[in-house]
Amino acid sequence: MKILVATDGSRNALRAVKYAAKLAHLLRTGSNKITLISVHDDIGLRHARAFVGKAEVADYLRELSEKELKPARKLLKDDGIGYDMEIRTGHVAQEIVDCADKGKFDMIVLGSKGRSAMAD
């Protein structure tokens, strides 16, 4: 079973990763792998790209995503579960659905509450 876990580094997102890890163990059918996806909304990024450049914004978002995914990666590694990472920018829901469709995932797991721009 292919499981996609959307995470933003929040506590609730980490709970979703823990839940997905339990599912991966329970539903073990050959491949025991989870894909973590981190999506940053591109609203406002157009302006940042204009001021600091596309490459700098892309580097910053990659570093930020890797930092946000670090606890999830550690949890999966400690649990013996292989994982892949997807880092994207765009409309968050659409990017998650697009990734799920293209990757032919059987399940999407996400937390019920995430961070908002106000919390950042």
PDB file of N, CA and C in Angstrom:
ATOM      1  N   MET A   1       0.844  -1.181   0.000  1.00  0.00           N
ATOM      2  CA  MET A   1       0.000   0.000   0.000  1.00  0.00           C
ATOM      3  C   MET A   1       0.886   1.239   0.000  1.00  0.00           C
ATOM      4  N   LYS A   2       0.563   2.173  -0.875  1.00  0.00           N
ATOM      5  CA  LYS A   2       1.324   3.424  -0.965  1.00  0.00           C
ATOM      6  C   LYS A   2       0.601   4.501  -0.159  1.00  0.00           C
ATOM      7  N   ILE A   3       1.327   5.092   0.791  1.00  0.00           N
ATOM      8  CA  ILE A   3       0.741   6.098   1.677  1.00  0.00           C
ATOM      9  C   ILE A   3       1.464   7.425   1.473  1.00  0.00           C
ATOM     10  N   LEU A   4       0.681   8.472   1.237  1.00  0.00           N
ATOM     11  CA  LEU A   4       1.194   9.835   1.114  1.00  0.00           C
ATOM     12  C   LEU A   4       0.826  10.580   2.384  1.00  0.00           C
ATOM     13  N   VAL A   5       1.815  11.193   3.035  1.00  0.00           N
ATOM     14  CA  VAL A   5       1.562  11.943   4.264  1.00  0.00           C
ATOM     15  C   VAL A   5       1.931  13.402   4.037  1.00  0.00           C
ATOM     16  N   ALA A   6       0.926  14.268   4.130  1.00  0.00           N
ATOM     17  CA  ALA A   6       1.151  15.709   4.001  1.00  0.00           C
ATOM     18  C   ALA A   6       1.545  16.243   5.368  1.00  0.00           C
ATOM     19  N   THR A   7       2.662  16.956   5.414  1.00  0.00           N
ATOM     20  CA  THR A   7       3.131  17.463   6.696  1.00  0.00           C
ATOM     21  C   THR A   7       3.699  18.869   6.549  1.00  0.00           C
ATOM     22  N   ASP A   8       3.476  19.664   7.584  1.00  0.00           N
ATOM     23  CA  ASP A   8       3.995  21.033   7.600  1.00  0.00           C
ATOM     24  C   ASP A   8       4.903  21.265   8.806  1.00  0.00           C
ATOM     25  N   GLY A   9       5.245  20.186   9.493  1.00  0.00           N
ATOM     26  CA  GLY A   9       6.119  20.312  10.649  1.00  0.00           C
ATOM     27  C   GLY A   9       5.388  20.589  11.953  1.00  0.00           C
ATOM     28  N   SER A  10       4.074  20.740  11.899  1.00  0.00           N
ATOM     29  CA  SER A  10       3.306  21.021  13.117  1.00  0.00           C
ATOM     30  C   SER A  10       3.147  19.747  13.954  1.00  0.00           C
ATOM     31  N   ARG A  11       2.719  19.915  15.214  1.00  0.00           N
ATOM     32  CA  ARG A  11       2.496  18.763  16.092  1.00  0.00           C
ATOM     33  C   ARG A  11       1.440  17.824  15.524  1.00  0.00           C
ATOM     34  N   ASN A  12       0.357  18.402  15.002  1.00  0.00           N
ATOM     35  CA  ASN A  12      -0.696  17.566  14.430  1.00  0.00           C
ATOM     36  C   ASN A  12      -0.206  16.813  13.201  1.00  0.00           C
ATOM     37  N   ALA A  13       0.639  17.434  12.416  1.00  0.00           N
ATOM     38  CA  ALA A  13       1.189  16.751  11.245  1.00  0.00           C
ATOM     39  C   ALA A  13       2.077  15.586  11.679  1.00  0.00           C
ATOM     40  N   LEU A  14       2.829  15.759  12.761  1.00  0.00           N
ATOM     41  CA  LEU A  14       3.668  14.669  13.256  1.00  0.00           C
ATOM     42  C   LEU A  14       2.800  13.519  13.771  1.00  0.00           C
ATOM     43  N   ARG A  15       1.664  13.854  14.369  1.00  0.00           N
ATOM     44  CA  ARG A  15       0.723  12.806  14.783  1.00  0.00           C
ATOM     45  C   ARG A  15       0.225  12.026  13.569  1.00  0.00           C
ATOM     46  N   ALA A  16       0.003  12.733  12.475  1.00  0.00           N
ATOM     47  CA  ALA A  16      -0.432  12.074  11.239  1.00  0.00           C
ATOM     48  C   ALA A  16       0.659  11.124  10.733  1.00  0.00           C
ATOM     49  N   VAL A  17       1.914  11.527  10.855  1.00  0.00           N
ATOM     50  CA  VAL A  17       3.028  10.661  10.445  1.00  0.00           C
ATOM     51  C   VAL A  17       3.053   9.408  11.322  1.00  0.00           C
ATOM     52  N   LYS A  18       2.853   9.578  12.634  1.00  0.00           N
ATOM     53  CA  LYS A  18       2.815   8.426  13.547  1.00  0.00           C
ATOM     54  C   LYS A  18       1.685   7.479  13.163  1.00  0.00           C
ATOM     55  N   TYR A  19       0.530   8.044  12.837  1.00  0.00           N
ATOM     56  CA  TYR A  19      -0.621   7.243  12.426  1.00  0.00           C
ATOM     57  C   TYR A  19      -0.303   6.478  11.139  1.00  0.00           C
ATOM     58  N   ALA A  20       0.301   7.153  10.179  1.00  0.00           N
ATOM     59  CA  ALA A  20       0.663   6.514   8.910  1.00  0.00           C
ATOM     60  C   ALA A  20       1.675   5.390   9.139  1.00  0.00           C
ATOM     61  N   ALA A  21       2.604   5.598  10.069  1.00  0.00           N
ATOM     62  CA  ALA A  21       3.585   4.556  10.383  1.00  0.00           C
ATOM     63  C   ALA A  21       2.891   3.321  10.948  1.00  0.00           C
ATOM     64  N   LYS A  22       1.911   3.535  11.832  1.00  0.00           N
ATOM     65  CA  LYS A  22       1.147   2.402  12.374  1.00  0.00           C
ATOM     66  C   LYS A  22       0.408   1.676  11.257  1.00  0.00           C
ATOM     67  N   LEU A  23      -0.207   2.446  10.363  1.00  0.00           N
ATOM     68  CA  LEU A  23      -0.909   1.838   9.234  1.00  0.00           C
ATOM     69  C   LEU A  23       0.045   1.041   8.357  1.00  0.00           C
ATOM     70  N   ALA A  24       1.215   1.585   8.109  1.00  0.00           N
ATOM     71  CA  ALA A  24       2.194   0.897   7.269  1.00  0.00           C
ATOM     72  C   ALA A  24       2.580  -0.450   7.873  1.00  0.00           C
ATOM     73  N   HIS A  25       2.704  -0.485   9.194  1.00  0.00           N
ATOM     74  CA  HIS A  25       3.030  -1.753   9.856  1.00  0.00           C
ATOM     75  C   HIS A  25       1.850  -2.718   9.805  1.00  0.00           C
ATOM     76  N   LEU A  26       0.649  -2.209  10.039  1.00  0.00           N
ATOM     77  CA  LEU A  26      -0.542  -3.065  10.044  1.00  0.00           C
ATOM     78  C   LEU A  26      -0.897  -3.586   8.657  1.00  0.00           C
ATOM     79  N   LEU A  27      -0.729  -2.753   7.652  1.00  0.00           N
ATOM     80  CA  LEU A  27      -1.145  -3.094   6.292  1.00  0.00           C
ATOM     81  C   LEU A  27       0.028  -3.517   5.423  1.00  0.00           C
ATOM     82  N   ARG A  28       1.063  -3.999   6.029  1.00  0.00           N
ATOM     83  CA  ARG A  28       2.278  -4.366   5.297  1.00  0.00           C
ATOM     84  C   ARG A  28       1.925  -5.337   4.169  1.00  0.00           C
ATOM     85  N   THR A  29       2.100  -4.845   2.957  1.00  0.00           N
ATOM     86  CA  THR A  29       1.835  -5.674   1.780  1.00  0.00           C
ATOM     87  C   THR A  29       2.991  -5.493   0.805  1.00  0.00           C
ATOM     88  N   GLY A  30       4.084  -6.118   1.087  1.00  0.00           N
ATOM     89  CA  GLY A  30       5.256  -5.991   0.213  1.00  0.00           C
ATOM     90  C   GLY A  30       6.055  -4.742   0.534  1.00  0.00           C
ATOM     91  N   SER A  31       5.716  -3.647  -0.101  1.00  0.00           N
ATOM     92  CA  SER A  31       6.453  -2.397   0.086  1.00  0.00           C
ATOM     93  C   SER A  31       5.966  -1.679   1.331  1.00  0.00           C
ATOM     94  N   ASN A  32       6.890  -1.358   2.194  1.00  0.00           N
ATOM     95  CA  ASN A  32       6.569  -0.650   3.431  1.00  0.00           C
ATOM     96  C   ASN A  32       7.193   0.737   3.338  1.00  0.00           C
ATOM     97  N   LYS A  33       6.597   1.604   2.514  1.00  0.00           N
ATOM     98  CA  LYS A  33       7.192   2.909   2.249  1.00  0.00           C
ATOM     99  C   LYS A  33       6.137   4.005   2.317  1.00  0.00           C
ATOM    100  N   ILE A  34       6.554   5.134   2.854  1.00  0.00           N
ATOM    101  CA  ILE A  34       5.687   6.306   2.978  1.00  0.00           C
ATOM    102  C   ILE A  34       6.343   7.449   2.216  1.00  0.00           C
ATOM    103  N   THR A  35       5.529   8.263   1.578  1.00  0.00           N
ATOM    104  CA  THR A  35       6.038   9.481   0.949  1.00  0.00           C
ATOM    105  C   THR A  35       5.554  10.672   1.760  1.00  0.00           C
ATOM    106  N   LEU A  36       6.491  11.495   2.208  1.00  0.00           N
ATOM    107  CA  LEU A  36       6.179  12.730   2.921  1.00  0.00           C
ATOM    108  C   LEU A  36       6.124  13.852   1.899  1.00  0.00           C
ATOM    109  N   ILE A  37       5.076  14.665   1.965  1.00  0.00           N
ATOM    110  CA  ILE A  37       4.988  15.812   1.066  1.00  0.00           C
ATOM    111  C   ILE A  37       4.878  17.085   1.891  1.00  0.00           C
ATOM    112  N   SER A  38       5.682  18.059   1.520  1.00  0.00           N
ATOM    113  CA  SER A  38       5.654  19.386   2.134  1.00  0.00           C
ATOM    114  C   SER A  38       5.335  20.378   1.024  1.00  0.00           C
ATOM    115  N   VAL A  39       4.267  21.138   1.210  1.00  0.00           N
ATOM    116  CA  VAL A  39       3.856  22.113   0.196  1.00  0.00           C
ATOM    117  C   VAL A  39       3.813  23.498   0.823  1.00  0.00           C
ATOM    118  N   HIS A  40       4.450  24.442   0.164  1.00  0.00           N
ATOM    119  CA  HIS A  40       4.400  25.837   0.599  1.00  0.00           C
ATOM    120  C   HIS A  40       3.545  26.610  -0.386  1.00  0.00           C
ATOM    121  N   ASP A  41       2.550  27.304   0.141  1.00  0.00           N
ATOM    122  CA  ASP A  41       1.645  28.092  -0.696  1.00  0.00           C
ATOM    123  C   ASP A  41       2.445  29.156  -1.427  1.00  0.00           C
ATOM    124  N   ASP A  42       2.168  29.299  -2.712  1.00  0.00           N
ATOM    125  CA  ASP A  42       2.959  30.248  -3.500  1.00  0.00           C
ATOM    126  C   ASP A  42       2.417  31.673  -3.481  1.00  0.00           C
ATOM    127  N   ILE A  43       1.365  31.919  -2.686  1.00  0.00           N
ATOM    128  CA  ILE A  43       0.872  33.291  -2.553  1.00  0.00           C
ATOM    129  C   ILE A  43       1.978  34.120  -1.900  1.00  0.00           C
ATOM    130  N   GLY A  44       2.344  35.192  -2.503  1.00  0.00           N
ATOM    131  CA  GLY A  44       3.392  36.048  -1.970  1.00  0.00           C
ATOM    132  C   GLY A  44       4.788  35.688  -2.446  1.00  0.00           C
ATOM    133  N   LEU A  45       4.964  34.456  -2.907  1.00  0.00           N
ATOM    134  CA  LEU A  45       6.298  34.055  -3.358  1.00  0.00           C
ATOM    135  C   LEU A  45       6.697  34.737  -4.656  1.00  0.00           C
ATOM    136  N   ARG A  46       5.712  35.110  -5.444  1.00  0.00           N
ATOM    137  CA  ARG A  46       6.026  35.808  -6.696  1.00  0.00           C
ATOM    138  C   ARG A  46       6.783  37.098  -6.407  1.00  0.00           C
ATOM    139  N   HIS A  47       6.341  37.806  -5.378  1.00  0.00           N
ATOM    140  CA  HIS A  47       7.008  39.058  -5.000  1.00  0.00           C
ATOM    141  C   HIS A  47       8.418  38.786  -4.472  1.00  0.00           C
ATOM    142  N   ALA A  48       8.550  37.753  -3.663  1.00  0.00           N
ATOM    143  CA  ALA A  48       9.869  37.410  -3.125  1.00  0.00           C
ATOM    144  C   ALA A  48      10.825  37.030  -4.251  1.00  0.00           C
ATOM    145  N   ARG A  49      10.319  36.264  -5.208  1.00  0.00           N
ATOM    146  CA  ARG A  49      11.164  35.863  -6.344  1.00  0.00           C
ATOM    147  C   ARG A  49      11.642  37.079  -7.127  1.00  0.00           C
ATOM    148  N   ALA A  50      10.755  38.074  -7.239  1.00  0.00           N
ATOM    149  CA  ALA A  50      11.113  39.283  -7.988  1.00  0.00           C
ATOM    150  C   ALA A  50      12.230  40.060  -7.287  1.00  0.00           C
ATOM    151  N   PHE A  51      12.232  40.039  -5.948  1.00  0.00           N
ATOM    152  CA  PHE A  51      13.227  40.804  -5.198  1.00  0.00           C
ATOM    153  C   PHE A  51      14.540  40.059  -4.983  1.00  0.00           C
ATOM    154  N   VAL A  52      14.462  38.777  -4.627  1.00  0.00           N
ATOM    155  CA  VAL A  52      15.692  38.054  -4.288  1.00  0.00           C
ATOM    156  C   VAL A  52      16.089  37.009  -5.320  1.00  0.00           C
ATOM    157  N   GLY A  53      15.209  36.692  -6.225  1.00  0.00           N
ATOM    158  CA  GLY A  53      15.525  35.729  -7.279  1.00  0.00           C
ATOM    159  C   GLY A  53      14.903  34.367  -7.050  1.00  0.00           C
ATOM    160  N   LYS A  54      14.637  33.704  -8.155  1.00  0.00           N
ATOM    161  CA  LYS A  54      13.992  32.392  -8.132  1.00  0.00           C
ATOM    162  C   LYS A  54      14.821  31.344  -7.395  1.00  0.00           C
ATOM    163  N   ALA A  55      16.103  31.290  -7.696  1.00  0.00           N
ATOM    164  CA  ALA A  55      16.972  30.266  -7.109  1.00  0.00           C
ATOM    165  C   ALA A  55      17.068  30.420  -5.597  1.00  0.00           C
ATOM    166  N   GLU A  56      17.168  31.660  -5.119  1.00  0.00           N
ATOM    167  CA  GLU A  56      17.271  31.897  -3.678  1.00  0.00           C
ATOM    168  C   GLU A  56      15.995  31.472  -2.958  1.00  0.00           C
ATOM    169  N   VAL A  57      14.836  31.780  -3.541  1.00  0.00           N
ATOM    170  CA  VAL A  57      13.560  31.384  -2.932  1.00  0.00           C
ATOM    171  C   VAL A  57      13.446  29.863  -2.929  1.00  0.00           C
ATOM    172  N   ALA A  58      13.815  29.217  -4.028  1.00  0.00           N
ATOM    173  CA  ALA A  58      13.760  27.753  -4.109  1.00  0.00           C
ATOM    174  C   ALA A  58      14.678  27.116  -3.065  1.00  0.00           C
ATOM    175  N   ASP A  59      15.888  27.659  -2.911  1.00  0.00           N
ATOM    176  CA  ASP A  59      16.824  27.139  -1.904  1.00  0.00           C
ATOM    177  C   ASP A  59      16.267  27.303  -0.496  1.00  0.00           C
ATOM    178  N   TYR A  60      15.705  28.478  -0.220  1.00  0.00           N
ATOM    179  CA  TYR A  60      15.128  28.744   1.100  1.00  0.00           C
ATOM    180  C   TYR A  60      13.995  27.768   1.402  1.00  0.00           C
ATOM    181  N   LEU A  61      13.091  27.569   0.437  1.00  0.00           N
ATOM    182  CA  LEU A  61      11.953  26.670   0.648  1.00  0.00           C
ATOM    183  C   LEU A  61      12.404  25.225   0.822  1.00  0.00           C
ATOM    184  N   ARG A  62      13.429  24.816   0.100  1.00  0.00           N
ATOM    185  CA  ARG A  62      13.956  23.457   0.247  1.00  0.00           C
ATOM    186  C   ARG A  62      14.532  23.279   1.653  1.00  0.00           C
ATOM    187  N   GLU A  63      15.320  24.254   2.110  1.00  0.00           N
ATOM    188  CA  GLU A  63      15.890  24.183   3.463  1.00  0.00           C
ATOM    189  C   GLU A  63      14.792  24.179   4.526  1.00  0.00           C
ATOM    190  N   LEU A  64      13.788  25.041   4.345  1.00  0.00           N
ATOM    191  CA  LEU A  64      12.676  25.108   5.291  1.00  0.00           C
ATOM    192  C   LEU A  64      11.924  23.782   5.330  1.00  0.00           C
ATOM    193  N   SER A  65      11.634  23.224   4.172  1.00  0.00           N
ATOM    194  CA  SER A  65      10.912  21.948   4.104  1.00  0.00           C
ATOM    195  C   SER A  65      11.714  20.827   4.749  1.00  0.00           C
ATOM    196  N   GLU A  66      13.010  20.783   4.478  1.00  0.00           N
ATOM    197  CA  GLU A  66      13.839  19.740   5.080  1.00  0.00           C
ATOM    198  C   GLU A  66      13.857  19.869   6.603  1.00  0.00           C
ATOM    199  N   LYS A  67      13.873  21.096   7.100  1.00  0.00           N
ATOM    200  CA  LYS A  67      13.820  21.329   8.548  1.00  0.00           C
ATOM    201  C   LYS A  67      12.470  20.872   9.103  1.00  0.00           C
ATOM    202  N   GLU A  68      11.385  21.222   8.403  1.00  0.00           N
ATOM    203  CA  GLU A  68      10.048  20.830   8.850  1.00  0.00           C
ATOM    204  C   GLU A  68       9.857  19.314   8.819  1.00  0.00           C
ATOM    205  N   LEU A  69      10.486  18.649   7.865  1.00  0.00           N
ATOM    206  CA  LEU A  69      10.326  17.203   7.711  1.00  0.00           C
ATOM    207  C   LEU A  69      11.265  16.390   8.602  1.00  0.00           C
ATOM    208  N   LYS A  70      12.223  17.045   9.233  1.00  0.00           N
ATOM    209  CA  LYS A  70      13.229  16.329  10.029  1.00  0.00           C
ATOM    210  C   LYS A  70      12.617  15.431  11.113  1.00  0.00           C
ATOM    211  N   PRO A  71      11.675  15.925  11.947  1.00  0.00           N
ATOM    212  CA  PRO A  71      11.090  15.040  12.965  1.00  0.00           C
ATOM    213  C   PRO A  71      10.346  13.851  12.351  1.00  0.00           C
ATOM    214  N   ALA A  72       9.658  14.076  11.244  1.00  0.00           N
ATOM    215  CA  ALA A  72       8.926  12.994  10.577  1.00  0.00           C
ATOM    216  C   ALA A  72       9.901  11.957  10.017  1.00  0.00           C
ATOM    217  N   ARG A  73      10.982  12.431   9.421  1.00  0.00           N
ATOM    218  CA  ARG A  73      11.987  11.517   8.867  1.00  0.00           C
ATOM    219  C   ARG A  73      12.614  10.676   9.976  1.00  0.00           C
ATOM    220  N   LYS A  74      12.907  11.313  11.110  1.00  0.00           N
ATOM    221  CA  LYS A  74      13.502  10.589  12.239  1.00  0.00           C
ATOM    222  C   LYS A  74      12.543   9.528  12.758  1.00  0.00           C
ATOM    223  N   LEU A  75      11.280   9.892  12.900  1.00  0.00           N
ATOM    224  CA  LEU A  75      10.274   8.953  13.389  1.00  0.00           C
ATOM    225  C   LEU A  75      10.196   7.729  12.474  1.00  0.00           C
ATOM    226  N   LEU A  76      10.131   7.956  11.162  1.00  0.00           N
ATOM    227  CA  LEU A  76      10.024   6.842  10.218  1.00  0.00           C
ATOM    228  C   LEU A  76      11.295   5.996  10.207  1.00  0.00           C
ATOM    229  N   LYS A  77      12.438   6.658  10.265  1.00  0.00           N
ATOM    230  CA  LYS A  77      13.710   5.925  10.283  1.00  0.00           C
ATOM    231  C   LYS A  77      13.797   5.046  11.525  1.00  0.00           C
ATOM    232  N   ASP A  78      13.451   5.623  12.690  1.00  0.00           N
ATOM    233  CA  ASP A  78      13.487   4.870  13.946  1.00  0.00           C
ATOM    234  C   ASP A  78      12.511   3.699  13.928  1.00  0.00           C
ATOM    235  N   ASP A  79      11.420   3.840  13.163  1.00  0.00           N
ATOM    236  CA  ASP A  79      10.404   2.792  13.046  1.00  0.00           C
ATOM    237  C   ASP A  79      10.747   1.769  11.964  1.00  0.00           C
ATOM    238  N   GLY A  80      11.847   1.997  11.254  1.00  0.00           N
ATOM    239  CA  GLY A  80      12.253   1.068  10.210  1.00  0.00           C
ATOM    240  C   GLY A  80      11.428   1.162   8.939  1.00  0.00           C
ATOM    241  N   ILE A  81      10.841   2.328   8.706  1.00  0.00           N
ATOM    242  CA  ILE A  81       9.997   2.527   7.528  1.00  0.00           C
ATOM    243  C   ILE A  81      10.739   3.404   6.526  1.00  0.00           C
ATOM    244  N   GLY A  82      10.843   2.910   5.305  1.00  0.00           N
ATOM    245  CA  GLY A  82      11.465   3.695   4.249  1.00  0.00           C
ATOM    246  C   GLY A  82      10.551   4.840   3.842  1.00  0.00           C
ATOM    247  N   TYR A  83      11.151   5.897   3.339  1.00  0.00           N
ATOM    248  CA  TYR A  83      10.340   7.044   2.943  1.00  0.00           C
ATOM    249  C   TYR A  83      10.980   7.779   1.778  1.00  0.00           C
ATOM    250  N   ASP A  84      10.136   8.489   1.062  1.00  0.00           N
ATOM    251  CA  ASP A  84      10.546   9.433   0.033  1.00  0.00           C
ATOM    252  C   ASP A  84      10.036  10.794   0.465  1.00  0.00           C
ATOM    253  N   MET A  85      10.567  11.845  -0.142  1.00  0.00           N
ATOM    254  CA  MET A  85      10.097  13.199   0.159  1.00  0.00           C
ATOM    255  C   MET A  85       9.725  13.909  -1.132  1.00  0.00           C
ATOM    256  N   GLU A  86       8.648  14.665  -1.060  1.00  0.00           N
ATOM    257  CA  GLU A  86       8.227  15.553  -2.146  1.00  0.00           C
ATOM    258  C   GLU A  86       8.176  16.951  -1.555  1.00  0.00           C
ATOM    259  N   ILE A  87       8.835  17.891  -2.189  1.00  0.00           N
ATOM    260  CA  ILE A  87       8.794  19.284  -1.750  1.00  0.00           C
ATOM    261  C   ILE A  87       8.239  20.092  -2.905  1.00  0.00           C
ATOM    262  N   ARG A  88       7.129  20.795  -2.653  1.00  0.00           N
ATOM    263  CA  ARG A  88       6.451  21.529  -3.722  1.00  0.00           C
ATOM    264  C   ARG A  88       6.023  22.911  -3.257  1.00  0.00           C
ATOM    265  N   THR A  89       5.742  23.758  -4.240  1.00  0.00           N
ATOM    266  CA  THR A  89       5.110  25.050  -3.977  1.00  0.00           C
ATOM    267  C   THR A  89       3.887  25.140  -4.868  1.00  0.00           C
ATOM    268  N   GLY A  90       2.882  25.859  -4.393  1.00  0.00           N
ATOM    269  CA  GLY A  90       1.652  26.023  -5.154  1.00  0.00           C
ATOM    270  C   GLY A  90       0.467  26.039  -4.218  1.00  0.00           C
ATOM    271  N   HIS A  91      -0.714  25.833  -4.783  1.00  0.00           N
ATOM    272  CA  HIS A  91      -1.929  25.722  -3.975  1.00  0.00           C
ATOM    273  C   HIS A  91      -1.830  24.402  -3.222  1.00  0.00           C
ATOM    274  N   VAL A  92      -1.850  24.458  -1.898  1.00  0.00           N
ATOM    275  CA  VAL A  92      -1.517  23.300  -1.071  1.00  0.00           C
ATOM    276  C   VAL A  92      -2.383  22.086  -1.394  1.00  0.00           C
ATOM    277  N   ALA A  93      -3.704  22.243  -1.343  1.00  0.00           N
ATOM    278  CA  ALA A  93      -4.594  21.104  -1.587  1.00  0.00           C
ATOM    279  C   ALA A  93      -4.381  20.533  -2.982  1.00  0.00           C
ATOM    280  N   GLN A  94      -4.267  21.408  -3.972  1.00  0.00           N
ATOM    281  CA  GLN A  94      -4.098  20.943  -5.349  1.00  0.00           C
ATOM    282  C   GLN A  94      -2.785  20.190  -5.531  1.00  0.00           C
ATOM    283  N   GLU A  95      -1.726  20.653  -4.895  1.00  0.00           N
ATOM    284  CA  GLU A  95      -0.431  19.972  -5.006  1.00  0.00           C
ATOM    285  C   GLU A  95      -0.469  18.589  -4.359  1.00  0.00           C
ATOM    286  N   ILE A  96      -1.171  18.476  -3.232  1.00  0.00           N
ATOM    287  CA  ILE A  96      -1.293  17.174  -2.563  1.00  0.00           C
ATOM    288  C   ILE A  96      -2.071  16.206  -3.449  1.00  0.00           C
ATOM    289  N   VAL A  97      -3.195  16.668  -3.996  1.00  0.00           N
ATOM    290  CA  VAL A  97      -4.012  15.824  -4.872  1.00  0.00           C
ATOM    291  C   VAL A  97      -3.233  15.439  -6.127  1.00  0.00           C
ATOM    292  N   ASP A  98      -2.519  16.396  -6.709  1.00  0.00           N
ATOM    293  CA  ASP A  98      -1.728  16.128  -7.909  1.00  0.00           C
ATOM    294  C   ASP A  98      -0.661  15.063  -7.637  1.00  0.00           C
ATOM    295  N   CYS A  99       0.020  15.194  -6.517  1.00  0.00           N
ATOM    296  CA  CYS A  99       1.044  14.218  -6.142  1.00  0.00           C
ATOM    297  C   CYS A  99       0.415  12.837  -5.936  1.00  0.00           C
ATOM    298  N   ALA A 100      -0.740  12.803  -5.264  1.00  0.00           N
ATOM    299  CA  ALA A 100      -1.426  11.534  -5.009  1.00  0.00           C
ATOM    300  C   ALA A 100      -1.849  10.867  -6.312  1.00  0.00           C
ATOM    301  N   ASP A 101      -2.368  11.662  -7.242  1.00  0.00           N
ATOM    302  CA  ASP A 101      -2.789  11.112  -8.538  1.00  0.00           C
ATOM    303  C   ASP A 101      -1.602  10.587  -9.334  1.00  0.00           C
ATOM    304  N   LYS A 102      -0.580  11.411  -9.468  1.00  0.00           N
ATOM    305  CA  LYS A 102       0.587  11.015 -10.273  1.00  0.00           C
ATOM    306  C   LYS A 102       1.324   9.825  -9.665  1.00  0.00           C
ATOM    307  N   GLY A 103       1.380   9.779  -8.340  1.00  0.00           N
ATOM    308  CA  GLY A 103       2.079   8.686  -7.664  1.00  0.00           C
ATOM    309  C   GLY A 103       1.225   7.462  -7.439  1.00  0.00           C
ATOM    310  N   LYS A 104      -0.061   7.553  -7.816  1.00  0.00           N
ATOM    311  CA  LYS A 104      -1.001   6.438  -7.645  1.00  0.00           C
ATOM    312  C   LYS A 104      -1.005   5.914  -6.200  1.00  0.00           C
ATOM    313  N   PHE A 105      -1.147   6.858  -5.273  1.00  0.00           N
ATOM    314  CA  PHE A 105      -1.192   6.498  -3.855  1.00  0.00           C
ATOM    315  C   PHE A 105      -2.555   5.915  -3.503  1.00  0.00           C
ATOM    316  N   ASP A 106      -2.538   4.984  -2.567  1.00  0.00           N
ATOM    317  CA  ASP A 106      -3.772   4.360  -2.102  1.00  0.00           C
ATOM    318  C   ASP A 106      -4.430   5.172  -1.001  1.00  0.00           C
ATOM    319  N   MET A 107      -3.629   5.959  -0.291  1.00  0.00           N
ATOM    320  CA  MET A 107      -4.140   6.665   0.881  1.00  0.00           C
ATOM    321  C   MET A 107      -3.378   7.971   1.079  1.00  0.00           C
ATOM    322  N   ILE A 108      -4.117   8.998   1.525  1.00  0.00           N
ATOM    323  CA  ILE A 108      -3.510  10.273   1.919  1.00  0.00           C
ATOM    324  C   ILE A 108      -3.795  10.453   3.405  1.00  0.00           C
ATOM    325  N   VAL A 109      -2.762  10.761   4.172  1.00  0.00           N
ATOM    326  CA  VAL A 109      -2.916  11.010   5.607  1.00  0.00           C
ATOM    327  C   VAL A 109      -2.435  12.425   5.881  1.00  0.00           C
ATOM    328  N   LEU A 110      -3.249  13.191   6.628  1.00  0.00           N
ATOM    329  CA  LEU A 110      -2.839  14.536   7.030  1.00  0.00           C
ATOM    330  C   LEU A 110      -3.467  14.886   8.359  1.00  0.00           C
ATOM    331  N   GLY A 111      -2.857  15.817   9.046  1.00  0.00           N
ATOM    332  CA  GLY A 111      -3.380  16.265  10.334  1.00  0.00           C
ATOM    333  C   GLY A 111      -4.623  17.113  10.138  1.00  0.00           C
ATOM    334  N   SER A 112      -5.449  17.188  11.169  1.00  0.00           N
ATOM    335  CA  SER A 112      -6.689  17.961  11.052  1.00  0.00           C
ATOM    336  C   SER A 112      -6.465  19.452  11.256  1.00  0.00           C
ATOM    337  N   LYS A 113      -5.352  19.806  11.849  1.00  0.00           N
ATOM    338  CA  LYS A 113      -5.007  21.218  12.038  1.00  0.00           C
ATOM    339  C   LYS A 113      -3.562  21.392  11.635  1.00  0.00           C
ATOM    340  N   GLY A 114      -3.303  22.463  10.940  1.00  0.00           N
ATOM    341  CA  GLY A 114      -1.922  22.743  10.554  1.00  0.00           C
ATOM    342  C   GLY A 114      -1.562  24.142  10.988  1.00  0.00           C
ATOM    343  N   ARG A 115      -0.467  24.606  10.484  1.00  0.00           N
ATOM    344  CA  ARG A 115      -0.066  25.971  10.795  1.00  0.00           C
ATOM    345  C   ARG A 115      -0.666  26.897   9.769  1.00  0.00           C
ATOM    346  N   SER A 116      -0.936  28.081  10.201  1.00  0.00           N
ATOM    347  CA  SER A 116      -1.421  29.106   9.279  1.00  0.00           C
ATOM    348  C   SER A 116      -0.329  30.160   9.137  1.00  0.00           C
ATOM    349  N   ALA A 117      -0.531  31.061   8.215  1.00  0.00           N
ATOM    350  CA  ALA A 117       0.430  32.150   8.045  1.00  0.00           C
ATOM    351  C   ALA A 117       0.532  32.974   9.326  1.00  0.00           C
ATOM    352  N   MET A 118      -0.571  33.053  10.070  1.00  0.00           N
ATOM    353  CA  MET A 118      -0.572  33.805  11.326  1.00  0.00           C
ATOM    354  C   MET A 118       0.318  33.131  12.370  1.00  0.00           C
ATOM    355  N   ALA A 119       0.353  31.790  12.359  1.00  0.00           N
ATOM    356  CA  ALA A 119       1.137  31.064  13.354  1.00  0.00           C
ATOM    357  C   ALA A 119       2.617  31.081  13.025  1.00  0.00           C
ATOM    358  N   ASP A 120       2.941  31.248  11.747  1.00  0.00           N
ATOM    359  CA  ASP A 120       4.343  31.259  11.341  1.00  0.00           C
ATOM    360  C   ASP A 120       4.961  32.547  11.796  1.00  0.00           C
TER     361      ASP A 120
END
